[in-house]
Protein backbone atom coordinates (compact mmCIF):
# COMPACT_ATOMS: atom_id res chain seq x y z
CA MET A 1 49.12 -40.21 93.92
CA PRO A 2 45.81 -41.93 93.07
CA VAL A 3 44.95 -39.15 90.59
CA ILE A 4 48.35 -39.47 88.93
CA GLU A 5 48.03 -43.24 88.68
CA GLN A 6 44.54 -42.94 87.17
CA ALA A 7 45.77 -40.38 84.63
CA ILE A 8 48.69 -42.60 83.60
CA GLU A 9 46.41 -45.64 83.29
CA THR A 10 43.95 -43.66 81.17
CA ALA A 11 46.75 -42.36 78.95
CA ALA A 12 48.04 -45.92 78.52
CA LEU A 13 44.59 -47.00 77.34
CA MET A 14 44.50 -44.16 74.83
CA LEU A 15 48.09 -44.49 73.62
CA GLY A 16 48.42 -48.24 73.79
CA SER A 17 49.41 -50.44 76.67
CA ASP A 18 52.86 -50.98 75.17
CA ARG A 19 53.80 -47.38 76.01
CA SER A 20 55.97 -46.71 79.05
CA ARG A 21 54.64 -44.87 82.07
CA GLY A 22 57.14 -42.08 81.39
CA TYR A 23 55.87 -41.68 77.85
CA CYS A 24 52.27 -41.58 79.08
CA LEU A 25 53.23 -38.91 81.58
CA GLU A 26 54.96 -36.93 78.81
CA MET A 27 51.74 -37.00 76.75
CA ILE A 28 49.66 -35.90 79.76
CA CYS A 29 52.03 -32.97 80.29
CA ALA A 30 51.99 -32.04 76.57
CA ASP A 31 48.20 -32.06 76.61
CA PHE A 32 48.15 -29.89 79.72
CA LEU A 33 50.61 -27.40 78.26
CA ALA A 34 48.66 -27.21 75.01
CA GLY A 35 45.46 -26.44 76.89
CA ALA A 36 47.15 -23.98 79.22
CA ASN A 37 48.66 -22.10 76.30
CA LEU A 38 45.60 -21.78 74.08
CA ASP A 39 44.82 -18.18 74.99
CA HIS A 40 48.07 -16.46 75.87
CA GLY A 41 50.89 -18.85 75.24
CA ASP A 42 53.19 -20.08 72.57
CA PRO A 43 51.25 -21.64 69.66
CA GLU A 44 54.27 -23.87 69.01
CA ILE A 45 53.42 -25.82 72.17
CA LEU A 46 49.90 -26.47 70.89
CA LEU A 47 51.29 -27.54 67.51
CA PHE A 48 53.75 -29.88 69.25
CA ALA A 49 50.97 -31.52 71.28
CA VAL A 50 48.60 -31.91 68.33
CA THR A 51 51.37 -33.36 66.18
CA ARG A 52 52.36 -35.86 68.86
CA PHE A 53 48.78 -37.03 69.38
CA PHE A 54 48.06 -37.20 65.65
CA LYS A 55 50.81 -39.78 65.23
CA PHE A 56 48.88 -42.19 67.45
CA LEU A 57 45.61 -42.05 65.54
CA PRO A 58 44.69 -45.13 63.54
CA GLU A 59 44.79 -44.57 59.76
CA GLU A 60 41.00 -44.33 59.48
CA GLN A 61 40.88 -41.55 62.05
CA ARG A 62 43.78 -39.75 60.37
CA ARG A 63 41.80 -39.73 57.11
CA ALA A 64 38.72 -38.43 58.94
CA PHE A 65 40.87 -35.68 60.45
CA TYR A 66 42.21 -34.69 57.02
CA GLU A 67 38.69 -34.69 55.59
CA GLY A 68 37.55 -32.42 58.41
CA LEU A 69 40.39 -30.03 57.62
CA SER A 70 39.45 -30.04 53.95
CA GLU A 71 35.80 -29.31 54.78
CA SER A 72 36.82 -26.49 57.13
CA HIS A 73 39.03 -25.01 54.42
CA LEU A 74 36.17 -25.11 51.90
CA GLU A 75 33.76 -23.49 54.35
CA ALA A 76 36.25 -20.71 55.13
CA ASN A 77 36.53 -19.76 51.44
């Protein structure tokens, strides 16, 4: 139980203290499933997790993320 409580508290710090414990637990599980499915699993689960987390980024970090994608796209071409 102490590990679970620490994980939920950490998630609440990352997601915002106004989030419910259940929501924090959902995000922890989504993160776990995304990591567990990177090699052999369903890429839709990874997309779901990334999309959910992206929504919680502040606007400045969202822009930085987009810029990083643009730079990666330019480097790939």
